[in-house]
Amino acid sequence: MAFGQQSGPPATHKQLEELLSLLHAAGHTDFRDARGPLGFTQRQANGKFTRDEADTFIAQLHEWAEIAESADAVPEPVSPAPKTKVTAAERSLKKVPSEILAAELQSRGWVVLEP
């Protein structure tokens, strides 16, 4: 297999449409915009996925959407800090429960302490 080539059948048009719609819902404009946050390769940032890769990312984005929906029921703490421009990624992270964020950071090697 040549460098940068897919290792399976290409994703279907339906899979790519669903993946792109989920990325839009998560606050990304396109595949390139989501490259860093989702860890896409350069090939994937160009919209080229295998069927398995597309299924994996679709499942991951559905899971994150469910977490964000369940966090909507939790009221946000009132902060006296001045309002600054908040990105879409920051808005979506505020909806994720602290325990989930802490677990994700720990899985990436960070040390997390409760305030």
N, C-alpha and C. Protein backbone atom coordinates (compact mmCIF):
# COMPACT_ATOMS: atom_id res chain seq x y z
N MET A 1 0.85 -1.17 0.00
CA MET A 1 0.00 0.00 0.00
C MET A 1 0.89 1.23 0.00
N ALA A 2 0.60 2.19 -0.83
CA ALA A 2 1.38 3.42 -0.93
C ALA A 2 1.07 4.34 0.24
N PHE A 3 1.99 5.22 0.53
CA PHE A 3 1.85 6.17 1.62
C PHE A 3 0.61 7.04 1.41
N GLY A 4 -0.20 7.18 2.46
CA GLY A 4 -1.36 8.05 2.41
C GLY A 4 -2.56 7.45 1.71
N GLN A 5 -2.50 6.19 1.32
CA GLN A 5 -3.61 5.56 0.62
C GLN A 5 -4.58 4.93 1.62
N GLN A 6 -5.82 4.79 1.21
CA GLN A 6 -6.83 4.17 2.06
C GLN A 6 -6.56 2.68 2.18
N SER A 7 -6.92 2.13 3.34
CA SER A 7 -6.70 0.70 3.56
C SER A 7 -8.02 -0.05 3.59
N GLY A 8 -8.93 0.32 2.73
CA GLY A 8 -10.22 -0.35 2.66
C GLY A 8 -11.09 0.33 1.63
N PRO A 9 -12.32 -0.15 1.49
CA PRO A 9 -13.22 0.47 0.51
C PRO A 9 -13.58 1.89 0.93
N PRO A 10 -13.75 2.78 -0.03
CA PRO A 10 -14.06 4.18 0.31
C PRO A 10 -15.44 4.31 0.95
N ALA A 11 -15.59 5.34 1.77
CA ALA A 11 -16.86 5.61 2.42
C ALA A 11 -17.91 5.94 1.37
N THR A 12 -19.14 5.59 1.67
CA THR A 12 -20.23 5.89 0.75
C THR A 12 -20.58 7.36 0.81
N HIS A 13 -21.28 7.82 -0.20
CA HIS A 13 -21.71 9.22 -0.24
C HIS A 13 -22.61 9.54 0.96
N LYS A 14 -23.47 8.58 1.31
CA LYS A 14 -24.37 8.75 2.45
C LYS A 14 -23.59 8.91 3.75
N GLN A 15 -22.53 8.10 3.92
CA GLN A 15 -21.70 8.21 5.12
C GLN A 15 -21.03 9.58 5.20
N LEU A 16 -20.50 10.05 4.08
CA LEU A 16 -19.83 11.35 4.06
C LEU A 16 -20.80 12.48 4.36
N GLU A 17 -22.02 12.39 3.83
CA GLU A 17 -23.04 13.41 4.10
C GLU A 17 -23.39 13.43 5.59
N GLU A 18 -23.57 12.24 6.18
CA GLU A 18 -23.91 12.17 7.60
C GLU A 18 -22.76 12.70 8.46
N LEU A 19 -21.54 12.33 8.11
CA LEU A 19 -20.38 12.79 8.85
C LEU A 19 -20.27 14.30 8.77
N LEU A 20 -20.46 14.87 7.59
CA LEU A 20 -20.37 16.32 7.43
C LEU A 20 -21.48 17.03 8.20
N SER A 21 -22.69 16.47 8.20
CA SER A 21 -23.78 17.11 8.94
C SER A 21 -23.51 17.07 10.45
N LEU A 22 -22.92 15.97 10.93
CA LEU A 22 -22.57 15.89 12.34
C LEU A 22 -21.45 16.87 12.69
N LEU A 23 -20.51 17.06 11.77
CA LEU A 23 -19.44 18.04 12.00
C LEU A 23 -20.02 19.45 12.06
N HIS A 24 -20.97 19.75 11.18
CA HIS A 24 -21.62 21.07 11.22
C HIS A 24 -22.34 21.27 12.54
N ALA A 25 -23.04 20.22 13.01
CA ALA A 25 -23.75 20.31 14.28
C ALA A 25 -22.79 20.52 15.46
N ALA A 26 -21.57 20.01 15.31
CA ALA A 26 -20.56 20.16 16.37
C ALA A 26 -19.83 21.50 16.28
N GLY A 27 -20.17 22.31 15.27
CA GLY A 27 -19.58 23.64 15.17
C GLY A 27 -18.42 23.76 14.20
N HIS A 28 -18.17 22.74 13.40
CA HIS A 28 -17.09 22.78 12.42
C HIS A 28 -17.66 23.15 11.05
N THR A 29 -16.85 23.80 10.24
CA THR A 29 -17.33 24.21 8.92
C THR A 29 -17.14 23.12 7.87
N ASP A 30 -16.07 22.34 8.00
CA ASP A 30 -15.80 21.27 7.03
C ASP A 30 -14.81 20.29 7.64
N PHE A 31 -14.35 19.35 6.81
CA PHE A 31 -13.42 18.33 7.30
C PHE A 31 -12.09 18.95 7.73
N ARG A 32 -11.62 19.93 6.99
CA ARG A 32 -10.34 20.57 7.33
C ARG A 32 -10.41 21.28 8.67
N ASP A 33 -11.54 21.93 8.92
CA ASP A 33 -11.73 22.65 10.18
C ASP A 33 -11.70 21.68 11.37
N ALA A 34 -12.17 20.46 11.16
CA ALA A 34 -12.24 19.47 12.24
C ALA A 34 -10.97 18.63 12.35
N ARG A 35 -10.00 18.88 11.49
CA ARG A 35 -8.80 18.03 11.45
C ARG A 35 -8.10 17.96 12.80
N GLY A 36 -7.81 19.09 13.40
CA GLY A 36 -7.10 19.09 14.68
C GLY A 36 -7.93 18.51 15.82
N PRO A 37 -9.15 19.04 16.05
CA PRO A 37 -9.94 18.55 17.17
C PRO A 37 -10.29 17.06 17.10
N LEU A 38 -10.52 16.54 15.90
CA LEU A 38 -10.90 15.14 15.78
C LEU A 38 -9.74 14.23 15.41
N GLY A 39 -8.59 14.81 15.13
CA GLY A 39 -7.42 14.00 14.81
C GLY A 39 -7.45 13.40 13.41
N PHE A 40 -8.11 14.08 12.47
CA PHE A 40 -8.13 13.60 11.09
C PHE A 40 -6.73 13.64 10.50
N THR A 41 -6.44 12.70 9.63
CA THR A 41 -5.20 12.74 8.87
C THR A 41 -5.39 13.75 7.73
N GLN A 42 -4.31 14.03 7.00
CA GLN A 42 -4.42 14.95 5.88
C GLN A 42 -5.39 14.39 4.83
N ARG A 43 -5.35 13.10 4.60
CA ARG A 43 -6.26 12.46 3.64
C ARG A 43 -7.71 12.63 4.09
N GLN A 44 -7.96 12.44 5.38
CA GLN A 44 -9.31 12.56 5.90
C GLN A 44 -9.78 14.02 5.88
N ALA A 45 -8.86 14.95 6.11
CA ALA A 45 -9.21 16.37 6.05
C ALA A 45 -9.65 16.77 4.64
N ASN A 46 -9.24 16.00 3.65
CA ASN A 46 -9.66 16.23 2.26
C ASN A 46 -10.96 15.50 1.95
N GLY A 47 -11.59 14.89 2.94
CA GLY A 47 -12.87 14.23 2.76
C GLY A 47 -12.78 12.82 2.24
N LYS A 48 -11.62 12.18 2.38
CA LYS A 48 -11.45 10.82 1.89
C LYS A 48 -11.32 9.88 3.09
N PHE A 49 -12.36 9.06 3.28
CA PHE A 49 -12.42 8.13 4.40
C PHE A 49 -12.70 6.73 3.89
N THR A 50 -12.26 5.74 4.66
CA THR A 50 -12.71 4.38 4.37
C THR A 50 -14.08 4.22 5.05
N ARG A 51 -14.78 3.16 4.72
CA ARG A 51 -16.08 2.94 5.34
C ARG A 51 -15.95 2.77 6.85
N ASP A 52 -14.93 2.03 7.27
CA ASP A 52 -14.72 1.81 8.70
C ASP A 52 -14.37 3.11 9.43
N GLU A 53 -13.52 3.93 8.83
CA GLU A 53 -13.16 5.21 9.44
C GLU A 53 -14.39 6.09 9.59
N ALA A 54 -15.19 6.17 8.54
CA ALA A 54 -16.40 7.00 8.58
C ALA A 54 -17.34 6.50 9.67
N ASP A 55 -17.54 5.19 9.76
CA ASP A 55 -18.42 4.63 10.79
C ASP A 55 -17.91 4.97 12.19
N THR A 56 -16.59 4.89 12.38
CA THR A 56 -16.00 5.19 13.69
C THR A 56 -16.23 6.65 14.07
N PHE A 57 -15.96 7.57 13.15
CA PHE A 57 -16.15 8.99 13.45
C PHE A 57 -17.62 9.33 13.63
N ILE A 58 -18.51 8.72 12.85
CA ILE A 58 -19.94 8.96 13.00
C ILE A 58 -20.39 8.51 14.39
N ALA A 59 -19.97 7.33 14.82
CA ALA A 59 -20.33 6.83 16.14
C ALA A 59 -19.80 7.76 17.24
N GLN A 60 -18.57 8.22 17.08
CA GLN A 60 -17.97 9.11 18.07
C GLN A 60 -18.75 10.42 18.16
N LEU A 61 -19.11 11.00 17.02
CA LEU A 61 -19.85 12.25 17.03
C LEU A 61 -21.26 12.08 17.58
N HIS A 62 -21.90 10.94 17.32
CA HIS A 62 -23.21 10.67 17.91
C HIS A 62 -23.09 10.58 19.43
N GLU A 63 -22.04 9.92 19.90
CA GLU A 63 -21.83 9.78 21.34
C GLU A 63 -21.62 11.15 21.99
N TRP A 64 -20.82 11.99 21.36
CA TRP A 64 -20.58 13.33 21.90
C TRP A 64 -21.86 14.15 21.90
N ALA A 65 -22.70 14.00 20.87
CA ALA A 65 -23.97 14.73 20.81
C ALA A 65 -24.89 14.29 21.95
N GLU A 66 -24.91 12.98 22.24
CA GLU A 66 -25.72 12.49 23.35
C GLU A 66 -25.24 13.04 24.68
N ILE A 67 -23.93 13.10 24.86
CA ILE A 67 -23.36 13.65 26.09
C ILE A 67 -23.74 15.12 26.22
N ALA A 68 -23.65 15.86 25.11
CA ALA A 68 -24.00 17.28 25.14
C ALA A 68 -25.48 17.47 25.45
N GLU A 69 -26.35 16.62 24.90
CA GLU A 69 -27.78 16.72 25.17
C GLU A 69 -28.08 16.45 26.64
N SER A 70 -27.42 15.45 27.21
CA SER A 70 -27.67 15.13 28.62
C SER A 70 -27.14 16.24 29.52
N ALA A 71 -26.13 16.95 29.08
CA ALA A 71 -25.57 18.04 29.88
C ALA A 71 -26.44 19.29 29.80
N ASP A 72 -27.35 19.38 28.83
CA ASP A 72 -28.23 20.54 28.73
C ASP A 72 -29.11 20.70 29.96
N ALA A 73 -29.40 19.61 30.63
CA ALA A 73 -30.25 19.65 31.81
C ALA A 73 -29.52 20.24 33.01
N VAL A 74 -28.19 20.27 32.96
CA VAL A 74 -27.38 20.80 34.06
C VAL A 74 -27.22 22.31 33.86
N PRO A 75 -27.67 23.12 34.82
CA PRO A 75 -27.52 24.57 34.65
C PRO A 75 -26.05 24.99 34.72
N GLU A 76 -25.70 25.98 33.92
CA GLU A 76 -24.34 26.49 33.93
C GLU A 76 -24.16 27.41 35.12
N PRO A 77 -22.99 27.36 35.78
CA PRO A 77 -22.76 28.26 36.91
C PRO A 77 -22.66 29.71 36.43
N VAL A 78 -23.14 30.62 37.28
CA VAL A 78 -23.08 32.04 36.95
C VAL A 78 -21.67 32.53 37.23
N SER A 79 -21.08 33.19 36.25
CA SER A 79 -19.71 33.65 36.37
C SER A 79 -19.68 35.17 36.30
N PRO A 80 -18.99 35.83 37.25
CA PRO A 80 -18.90 37.28 37.21
C PRO A 80 -17.86 37.78 36.20
N ALA A 81 -17.16 36.86 35.56
CA ALA A 81 -16.12 37.25 34.59
C ALA A 81 -16.76 37.94 33.40
N PRO A 82 -16.03 38.90 32.80
CA PRO A 82 -16.58 39.60 31.63
C PRO A 82 -16.76 38.64 30.47
N LYS A 83 -17.77 38.91 29.67
CA LYS A 83 -18.07 38.07 28.52
C LYS A 83 -17.04 38.30 27.41
N THR A 84 -16.51 37.20 26.88
CA THR A 84 -15.62 37.26 25.74
C THR A 84 -16.21 36.41 24.64
N LYS A 85 -15.70 36.55 23.44
CA LYS A 85 -16.22 35.76 22.33
C LYS A 85 -15.89 34.29 22.57
N VAL A 86 -16.92 33.46 22.56
CA VAL A 86 -16.77 32.04 22.83
C VAL A 86 -16.91 31.28 21.51
N THR A 87 -15.97 30.38 21.26
CA THR A 87 -16.01 29.59 20.03
C THR A 87 -17.04 28.48 20.16
N ALA A 88 -17.38 27.89 19.03
CA ALA A 88 -18.34 26.79 19.02
C ALA A 88 -17.81 25.59 19.82
N ALA A 89 -16.51 25.35 19.71
CA ALA A 89 -15.92 24.23 20.46
C ALA A 89 -16.04 24.47 21.96
N GLU A 90 -15.81 25.71 22.40
CA GLU A 90 -15.92 26.02 23.82
C GLU A 90 -17.36 25.88 24.30
N ARG A 91 -18.31 26.31 23.47
CA ARG A 91 -19.72 26.17 23.83
C ARG A 91 -20.09 24.70 23.99
N SER A 92 -19.62 23.87 23.08
CA SER A 92 -19.97 22.44 23.17
C SER A 92 -19.29 21.79 24.37
N LEU A 93 -18.08 22.22 24.71
CA LEU A 93 -17.38 21.64 25.87
C LEU A 93 -18.05 22.03 27.18
N LYS A 94 -18.65 23.21 27.23
CA LYS A 94 -19.32 23.63 28.47
C LYS A 94 -20.52 22.75 28.78
N LYS A 95 -21.04 22.08 27.76
CA LYS A 95 -22.21 21.22 27.95
C LYS A 95 -21.83 19.83 28.43
N VAL A 96 -20.55 19.47 28.32
CA VAL A 96 -20.10 18.13 28.71
C VAL A 96 -19.85 18.11 30.21
N PRO A 97 -20.36 17.09 30.92
CA PRO A 97 -20.15 17.01 32.37
C PRO A 97 -18.65 16.97 32.73
N SER A 98 -18.33 17.56 33.87
CA SER A 98 -16.94 17.64 34.32
C SER A 98 -16.29 16.27 34.44
N GLU A 99 -17.06 15.29 34.88
CA GLU A 99 -16.51 13.95 35.05
C GLU A 99 -16.05 13.36 33.72
N ILE A 100 -16.82 13.62 32.66
CA ILE A 100 -16.47 13.12 31.33
C ILE A 100 -15.22 13.82 30.82
N LEU A 101 -15.16 15.14 31.00
CA LEU A 101 -13.97 15.89 30.57
C LEU A 101 -12.73 15.41 31.32
N ALA A 102 -12.86 15.23 32.63
CA ALA A 102 -11.72 14.79 33.44
C ALA A 102 -11.25 13.40 32.98
N ALA A 103 -12.20 12.51 32.71
CA ALA A 103 -11.83 11.16 32.27
C ALA A 103 -11.12 11.21 30.93
N GLU A 104 -11.59 12.06 30.02
CA GLU A 104 -10.94 12.18 28.70
C GLU A 104 -9.53 12.74 28.84
N LEU A 105 -9.35 13.76 29.68
CA LEU A 105 -8.02 14.31 29.88
C LEU A 105 -7.08 13.28 30.51
N GLN A 106 -7.58 12.51 31.47
CA GLN A 106 -6.75 11.48 32.10
C GLN A 106 -6.36 10.41 31.09
N SER A 107 -7.26 10.08 30.18
CA SER A 107 -6.92 9.07 29.18
C SER A 107 -5.85 9.57 28.22
N ARG A 108 -5.69 10.89 28.16
CA ARG A 108 -4.65 11.50 27.31
C ARG A 108 -3.37 11.79 28.08
N GLY A 109 -3.32 11.37 29.33
CA GLY A 109 -2.09 11.51 30.10
C GLY A 109 -2.03 12.72 31.01
N TRP A 110 -3.10 13.49 31.11
CA TRP A 110 -3.12 14.67 31.98
C TRP A 110 -3.42 14.25 33.39
N VAL A 111 -2.97 15.06 34.34
CA VAL A 111 -3.32 14.87 35.75
C VAL A 111 -4.43 15.86 36.06
N VAL A 112 -5.55 15.36 36.57
CA VAL A 112 -6.72 16.20 36.82
C VAL A 112 -7.00 16.20 38.31
N LEU A 113 -7.13 17.41 38.87
CA LEU A 113 -7.47 17.58 40.29
C LEU A 113 -8.76 18.36 40.40
N GLU A 114 -9.59 17.97 41.34
CA GLU A 114 -10.84 18.70 41.59
C GLU A 114 -10.52 20.00 42.30
N PRO A 115 -11.16 21.11 41.93
CA PRO A 115 -10.85 22.40 42.59
C PRO A 115 -11.28 22.41 44.05
